[in-house]
């Protein structure tokens, strides 16, 4: 396989391939500064791998793993680490891990001293295909998903699929859910590839295709005023499912909540006569089959609706959705009144 530096966009530098191939780039960010690194319990083992590409000693902070630890308390740990090591606004922070670490440490960096630069080394499929891209950083406050955050892009992202070789199957499937989302919102060819090659997926291809797809959208609309809202497909319901399960101490991985959210939101699109029944049944069948081992969580529809009322995209009387019109196309700004939505959810769960 050929590895190359990819700099299609003018917002963030993206690099695909073995991290050691970009040794010069990585060290150029450091200048005369020390190497400061945030990891979690699952990515500590990769410090030695990163160290082979760094010409300086690594000073690191270890955070606990898991969505339940995406809290203000752990944001404060990062701030304390930055303060203790006297990082200044011209310093740079390296962040090695999955979506939780990327979101949380990215938020801490984007707010410390009114913002210091940071670089992502995503280590999970979810982070590579989605979470590390687009500049959304944040944490979960009072069990609400990502309700405190910033829009700040990393200086660079290094995509090295060698990290995926030791990733548990469950984590791989969680990442695949976001790739399926990207296919539904804008890329029928990607949808077909996923379904025709399900037993022999090329993850270098998937990471590059999915991340570039998202980069193209967020470069056009970095602050989610228009086209970027397409990326919310599955997330209005999915984030509420994730928050609900976290609140009752039965957390699921992000991708599985989103997979269920995509099925439910496709049903809503069908009920709104936006999506035809054939396309809905295809989305439902494919996602249920692909993620069947991970979608057996129990959900209380009224509790999910209550959580959706707190979604930051809503107006006073309705909930805002991005809904598919077909596989490969999603349209934005569908305002659905609460009572109508409640009836849709109850109907879905009675027949699910």
Protein backbone atom coordinates (compact mmCIF):
# COMPACT_ATOMS: atom_id res chain seq x y z
CA UNK A 1 0.00 0.00 0.00
CA UNK A 2 1.17 3.53 -0.74
CA UNK A 3 0.93 6.09 2.02
CA UNK A 4 0.73 9.77 1.35
CA UNK A 5 0.09 13.07 2.99
CA UNK A 6 -3.40 14.33 2.12
CA UNK A 7 -3.96 18.07 2.31
CA UNK A 8 -7.14 18.58 0.35
CA UNK A 9 -8.63 21.06 2.76
CA UNK A 10 -7.44 24.32 4.25
CA UNK A 11 -8.80 23.79 7.74
CA UNK A 12 -6.80 20.86 9.11
CA UNK A 13 -3.81 18.93 7.82
CA UNK A 14 -4.62 15.24 7.38
CA UNK A 15 -2.08 12.45 7.01
CA UNK A 16 -2.80 8.83 6.08
CA UNK A 17 -0.28 6.05 6.68
CA UNK A 18 2.28 4.86 9.19
CA UNK A 19 3.01 7.52 11.79
CA UNK A 20 6.74 6.89 11.44
CA UNK A 21 6.49 8.04 7.79
CA UNK A 22 5.58 11.49 9.08
CA UNK A 23 8.36 11.84 11.64
CA UNK A 24 9.53 15.14 10.16
CA UNK A 25 6.03 16.62 10.23
CA UNK A 26 5.39 15.58 13.82
CA UNK A 27 8.68 16.93 15.13
CA UNK A 28 8.23 20.19 13.24
CA UNK A 29 5.21 20.94 15.45
CA UNK A 30 7.29 20.59 18.58
CA UNK A 31 10.00 23.16 17.89
CA UNK A 32 11.86 23.72 21.14
CA UNK A 33 8.95 22.49 23.23
CA UNK A 34 8.55 19.28 25.15
CA UNK A 35 6.20 16.53 23.95
CA UNK A 36 2.93 16.66 25.91
CA UNK A 37 0.52 13.79 25.35
CA UNK A 38 -2.96 12.83 26.57
CA UNK A 39 -3.86 9.12 26.49
CA UNK A 40 -6.41 6.88 28.18
CA UNK A 41 -6.03 3.53 29.90
CA UNK A 42 -6.48 1.70 26.59
CA UNK A 43 -3.91 3.69 24.63
CA UNK A 44 -1.03 3.83 27.10
CA UNK A 45 0.40 0.80 25.31
CA UNK A 46 0.89 2.88 22.15
CA UNK A 47 3.21 5.46 23.74
CA UNK A 48 6.27 3.46 22.72
CA UNK A 49 4.95 3.30 19.14
CA UNK A 50 4.52 7.08 19.07
CA UNK A 51 7.89 7.55 20.73
CA UNK A 52 9.66 6.01 17.72
CA UNK A 53 8.61 9.07 15.72
CA UNK A 54 9.39 11.67 18.38
CA UNK A 55 12.80 13.16 19.03
CA UNK A 56 11.93 14.27 22.57
CA UNK A 57 10.84 12.76 25.85
CA UNK A 58 7.11 12.32 26.21
CA UNK A 59 5.33 13.83 29.21
CA UNK A 60 1.90 12.23 29.38
CA UNK A 61 -1.36 12.18 31.29
CA UNK A 62 -3.50 9.03 31.52
CA UNK A 63 -7.29 9.46 31.62
CA UNK A 64 -9.83 6.76 32.51
CA UNK A 65 -11.49 5.03 29.57
CA UNK A 66 -15.15 5.07 28.59
CA UNK A 67 -18.00 7.46 27.86
CA UNK A 68 -18.96 7.62 31.56
CA UNK A 69 -15.64 9.39 32.14
CA UNK A 70 -16.31 12.14 29.60
CA UNK A 71 -16.89 14.58 32.46
CA UNK A 72 -15.92 18.01 33.72
CA UNK A 73 -13.82 16.30 36.37
CA UNK A 74 -11.59 14.79 33.69
CA UNK A 75 -11.51 18.03 31.71
CA UNK A 76 -10.14 19.58 34.91
CA UNK A 77 -7.48 16.87 35.08
CA UNK A 78 -6.27 17.93 31.64
CA UNK A 79 -6.31 21.60 32.60
CA UNK A 80 -4.33 20.76 35.77
CA UNK A 81 -1.83 18.80 33.66
CA UNK A 82 -1.39 21.75 31.29
CA UNK A 83 -0.99 24.17 34.18
CA UNK A 84 1.47 21.95 36.02
CA UNK A 85 3.63 21.70 32.91
CA UNK A 86 3.28 25.43 32.20
CA UNK A 87 2.00 25.08 28.65
CA UNK A 88 1.74 28.41 26.90
CA UNK A 89 -0.47 29.49 24.03
CA UNK A 90 2.26 28.74 21.47
CA UNK A 91 2.71 25.17 22.76
CA UNK A 92 0.97 22.15 21.25
CA UNK A 93 -0.77 19.16 22.81
CA UNK A 94 -0.83 15.67 21.26
CA UNK A 95 -3.94 13.51 21.88
CA UNK A 96 -3.79 9.74 21.38
CA UNK A 97 -7.00 7.75 21.67
CA UNK A 98 -10.58 7.19 20.61
CA UNK A 99 -13.54 9.51 20.34
CA UNK A 100 -13.98 10.11 24.06
CA UNK A 101 -10.37 11.23 24.58
CA UNK A 102 -10.39 13.28 21.38
CA UNK A 103 -13.57 15.12 22.38
CA UNK A 104 -12.60 15.74 25.98
CA UNK A 105 -8.91 16.61 25.60
CA UNK A 106 -9.68 18.64 22.48
CA UNK A 107 -12.15 20.68 24.53
CA UNK A 108 -9.63 21.17 27.32
CA UNK A 109 -6.97 22.32 24.85
CA UNK A 110 -9.38 24.61 22.98
CA UNK A 111 -10.29 26.43 26.20
CA UNK A 112 -6.99 26.48 28.14
CA UNK A 113 -5.34 29.92 27.85
CA UNK A 114 -8.15 30.70 25.37
CA UNK A 115 -6.90 27.88 23.21
CA UNK A 116 -3.69 26.00 22.53
CA UNK A 117 -3.06 23.98 19.38
CA UNK A 118 -3.49 20.22 19.44
CA UNK A 119 -2.90 17.21 17.18
CA UNK A 120 -4.99 14.03 17.03
CA UNK A 121 -3.72 10.47 16.70
CA UNK A 122 -7.06 8.59 16.54
CA UNK A 123 -6.80 4.95 17.59
CA UNK A 124 -10.34 3.62 17.05
CA UNK A 125 -12.34 3.23 13.86
CA UNK A 126 -14.99 5.58 15.28
CA UNK A 127 -12.40 8.28 15.92
CA UNK A 128 -10.72 7.82 12.52
CA UNK A 129 -13.93 7.84 10.50
CA UNK A 130 -15.80 10.49 12.44
CA UNK A 131 -14.99 11.77 15.94
CA UNK A 132 -11.57 13.29 15.26
CA UNK A 133 -12.87 15.27 12.27
CA UNK A 134 -14.83 18.49 12.21
CA UNK A 135 -13.65 20.44 15.23
CA UNK A 136 -16.41 19.45 17.65
CA UNK A 137 -14.95 19.04 21.13
CA UNK A 138 -16.76 18.65 24.42
CA UNK A 139 -17.93 16.58 27.33
CA UNK A 140 -21.16 15.22 28.81
CA UNK A 141 -22.69 17.41 31.48
CA UNK A 142 -25.39 15.99 33.76
CA UNK A 143 -25.66 12.85 31.56
CA UNK A 144 -26.47 14.84 28.41
CA UNK A 145 -24.32 13.87 25.44
CA UNK A 146 -21.82 16.54 24.33
CA UNK A 147 -23.90 19.41 25.68
CA UNK A 148 -20.85 21.50 26.61
CA UNK A 149 -18.32 22.05 23.86
CA UNK A 150 -16.49 24.14 21.29
CA UNK A 151 -15.82 24.25 17.57
CA UNK A 152 -12.01 24.10 17.30
CA UNK A 153 -10.07 22.10 14.73
CA UNK A 154 -6.86 20.26 15.54
CA UNK A 155 -3.75 21.46 13.76
CA UNK A 156 -3.36 18.02 12.20
CA UNK A 157 -4.73 14.48 12.29
CA UNK A 158 -2.61 11.36 11.71
CA UNK A 159 -4.62 8.35 10.52
CA UNK A 160 -2.68 5.12 11.07
CA UNK A 161 -4.80 1.97 10.76
CA UNK A 162 -2.16 -0.10 12.54
CA UNK A 163 -4.03 0.85 15.73
CA UNK A 164 -7.07 -1.07 14.52
CA UNK A 165 -5.26 -4.41 14.55
CA UNK A 166 -5.63 -4.75 18.31
CA UNK A 167 -9.07 -3.15 18.55
CA UNK A 168 -11.84 -5.38 19.98
CA UNK A 169 -14.50 -6.46 17.50
CA UNK A 170 -17.15 -4.50 19.40
CA UNK A 171 -15.20 -1.26 18.94
CA UNK A 172 -14.77 -1.96 15.23
CA UNK A 173 -18.51 -2.42 14.81
CA UNK A 174 -19.18 0.81 16.69
CA UNK A 175 -17.00 2.65 14.21
CA UNK A 176 -18.66 0.96 11.26
CA UNK A 177 -21.99 2.48 12.31
CA UNK A 178 -20.69 5.98 11.58
CA UNK A 179 -19.32 4.80 8.24
CA UNK A 180 -22.76 3.42 7.38
CA UNK A 181 -24.17 6.82 8.35
CA UNK A 182 -21.82 8.56 5.93
CA UNK A 183 -22.93 6.20 3.17
CA UNK A 184 -26.62 6.87 3.81
CA UNK A 185 -26.30 10.63 3.91
CA UNK A 186 -24.27 11.11 0.75
CA UNK A 187 -22.53 8.09 -0.81
CA UNK A 188 -24.48 5.22 -2.37
CA UNK A 189 -21.22 3.72 -3.67
CA UNK A 190 -19.90 3.46 -0.11
CA UNK A 191 -23.19 1.84 0.98
CA UNK A 192 -22.84 -0.73 -1.80
CA UNK A 193 -19.20 -1.38 -0.95
CA UNK A 194 -20.05 -2.01 2.72
CA UNK A 195 -22.76 -4.50 1.82
CA UNK A 196 -20.93 -6.26 -0.99
CA UNK A 197 -17.64 -6.66 0.92
CA UNK A 198 -18.85 -7.15 4.48
CA UNK A 199 -16.50 -10.10 5.12
CA UNK A 200 -13.37 -8.50 3.67
CA UNK A 201 -13.47 -4.78 4.35
CA UNK A 202 -10.42 -2.69 3.49
CA UNK A 203 -10.10 -0.35 6.46
CA UNK A 204 -7.48 1.89 4.85
CA UNK A 205 -10.04 2.56 2.11
CA UNK A 206 -12.90 3.01 4.57
CA UNK A 207 -11.01 5.41 6.84
CA UNK A 208 -9.82 7.57 3.94
CA UNK A 209 -13.20 7.55 2.18
CA UNK A 210 -15.27 8.23 5.28
CA UNK A 211 -12.99 10.86 6.79
CA UNK A 212 -12.62 12.72 3.48
CA UNK A 213 -16.38 12.67 3.04
CA UNK A 214 -16.85 14.32 6.41
CA UNK A 215 -13.98 16.74 5.79
CA UNK A 216 -15.59 17.89 2.58
CA UNK A 217 -18.84 18.66 4.40
CA UNK A 218 -17.32 20.44 7.40
CA UNK A 219 -15.00 22.52 5.22
CA UNK A 220 -18.06 23.94 3.47
CA UNK A 221 -19.99 24.48 6.71
CA UNK A 222 -17.67 24.39 9.76
CA UNK A 223 -20.21 25.78 12.26
CA UNK A 224 -23.23 23.66 11.28
CA UNK A 225 -25.35 26.39 9.78
CA UNK A 226 -26.40 24.39 6.73
CA UNK A 227 -25.01 21.29 4.98
CA UNK A 228 -23.15 20.01 8.04
CA UNK A 229 -26.51 19.27 9.64
CA UNK A 230 -26.65 16.20 7.37
CA UNK A 231 -24.11 14.60 9.71
CA UNK A 232 -26.75 14.69 12.47
CA UNK A 233 -28.71 11.88 10.84
CA UNK A 234 -29.27 9.19 13.47
CA UNK A 235 -27.89 11.41 16.22
CA UNK A 236 -30.99 13.24 17.42
CA UNK A 237 -32.50 9.94 18.56
CA UNK A 238 -29.11 8.21 18.96
CA UNK A 239 -27.68 10.73 21.41
CA UNK A 240 -30.85 10.49 23.49
CA UNK A 241 -30.54 6.69 23.55
CA UNK A 242 -26.90 7.01 24.56
CA UNK A 243 -27.72 9.51 27.33
CA UNK A 244 -30.62 7.38 28.58
CA UNK A 245 -28.53 4.22 28.81
CA UNK A 246 -25.70 6.13 30.49
CA UNK A 247 -28.15 7.56 33.00
CA UNK A 248 -29.48 4.12 33.98
CA UNK A 249 -25.92 2.77 34.21
CA UNK A 250 -26.29 0.47 31.19
CA UNK A 251 -24.05 2.33 28.71
CA UNK A 252 -23.64 1.25 25.12
CA UNK A 253 -20.98 2.26 22.63
CA UNK A 254 -21.72 5.39 20.62
CA UNK A 255 -21.99 3.61 17.28
CA UNK A 256 -24.71 1.24 18.48
CA UNK A 257 -26.89 4.07 19.78
CA UNK A 258 -26.42 5.78 16.40
CA UNK A 259 -27.25 2.59 14.47
CA UNK A 260 -30.55 2.37 16.37
CA UNK A 261 -31.05 6.09 15.92
CA UNK A 262 -30.66 5.74 12.13
CA UNK A 263 -33.27 3.01 12.00
CA UNK A 264 -35.73 5.05 14.06
CA UNK A 265 -35.10 8.28 12.16
CA UNK A 266 -35.55 6.42 8.87
CA UNK A 267 -38.91 5.24 10.21
CA UNK A 268 -39.76 8.86 11.04
CA UNK A 269 -38.80 9.81 7.47
CA UNK A 270 -41.13 7.10 6.17
CA UNK A 271 -43.98 8.35 8.36
CA UNK A 272 -43.37 11.87 7.08
CA UNK A 273 -43.56 10.57 3.47
CA UNK A 274 -39.97 11.65 2.87
CA UNK A 275 -38.54 8.14 2.47
CA UNK A 276 -40.30 5.35 0.61
CA UNK A 277 -41.04 2.05 2.29
CA UNK A 278 -38.61 0.05 0.16
CA UNK A 279 -35.67 2.26 1.17
CA UNK A 280 -36.73 2.25 4.82
CA UNK A 281 -36.97 -1.53 4.89
CA UNK A 282 -33.54 -1.81 3.27
CA UNK A 283 -31.91 0.51 5.83
CA UNK A 284 -33.67 -1.25 8.69
CA UNK A 285 -32.78 -4.75 7.46
CA UNK A 286 -29.12 -3.98 6.76
CA UNK A 287 -28.49 -2.15 10.05
CA UNK A 288 -30.41 -4.67 12.14
CA UNK A 289 -28.48 -7.52 10.56
CA UNK A 290 -25.07 -5.83 10.78
CA UNK A 291 -25.43 -4.71 14.38
CA UNK A 292 -27.88 -7.32 15.70
CA UNK A 293 -25.52 -8.47 18.46
CA UNK A 294 -25.37 -4.94 19.88
CA UNK A 295 -28.89 -3.51 19.58
CA UNK A 296 -30.62 -5.55 22.27
CA UNK A 297 -30.79 -2.71 24.80
CA UNK A 298 -34.16 -1.82 26.32
CA UNK A 299 -35.42 1.71 25.72
CA UNK A 300 -38.26 3.67 27.30
CA UNK A 301 -39.77 5.76 24.45
CA UNK A 302 -41.10 8.57 26.66
CA UNK A 303 -37.75 8.90 28.41
CA UNK A 304 -36.03 9.15 25.02
CA UNK A 305 -38.49 11.83 23.92
CA UNK A 306 -37.86 13.82 27.10
CA UNK A 307 -34.12 13.72 26.43
CA UNK A 308 -34.68 14.82 22.84
CA UNK A 309 -36.49 17.91 24.12
CA UNK A 310 -33.15 19.06 25.53
CA UNK A 311 -31.32 18.62 22.21
CA UNK A 312 -29.47 21.81 21.31
CA UNK A 313 -30.86 21.78 17.73
CA UNK A 314 -34.51 22.18 18.77
CA UNK A 315 -36.97 25.05 18.72
CA UNK A 316 -39.57 25.61 21.44
CA UNK A 317 -42.29 23.47 19.91
CA UNK A 318 -40.59 20.92 17.72
CA UNK A 319 -37.52 18.73 17.28
CA UNK A 320 -35.16 19.24 14.36
CA UNK A 321 -34.16 16.22 12.26
CA UNK A 322 -31.97 15.45 9.27
CA UNK A 323 -33.86 12.74 7.41
CA UNK A 324 -33.07 10.51 4.42
CA UNK A 325 -34.99 10.80 1.16
CA UNK A 326 -33.13 7.80 -0.28
CA UNK A 327 -29.92 5.90 0.41
CA UNK A 328 -27.21 8.40 -0.47
CA UNK A 329 -29.20 11.56 0.27
CA UNK A 330 -30.29 13.22 3.50
CA UNK A 331 -32.14 16.53 3.78
CA UNK A 332 -32.00 18.89 6.73
CA UNK A 333 -34.23 21.04 8.95
CA UNK A 334 -37.27 18.81 9.30
CA UNK A 335 -39.17 20.25 12.27
CA UNK A 336 -41.47 17.68 13.85
CA UNK A 337 -43.94 18.66 16.54
CA UNK A 338 -43.57 16.88 19.88
CA UNK A 339 -46.94 15.09 19.94
CA UNK A 340 -46.55 13.77 16.42
CA UNK A 341 -43.05 12.56 17.23
CA UNK A 342 -44.29 10.82 20.37
CA UNK A 343 -46.85 8.89 18.32
CA UNK A 344 -44.15 7.87 15.82
CA UNK A 345 -41.86 6.60 18.58
CA UNK A 346 -44.60 4.63 20.29
CA UNK A 347 -45.61 3.06 16.98
CA UNK A 348 -42.01 2.14 16.20
CA UNK A 349 -41.34 0.48 19.54
CA UNK A 350 -44.63 -1.43 19.55
CA UNK A 351 -43.62 -3.04 16.26
CA UNK A 352 -39.85 -3.24 16.81
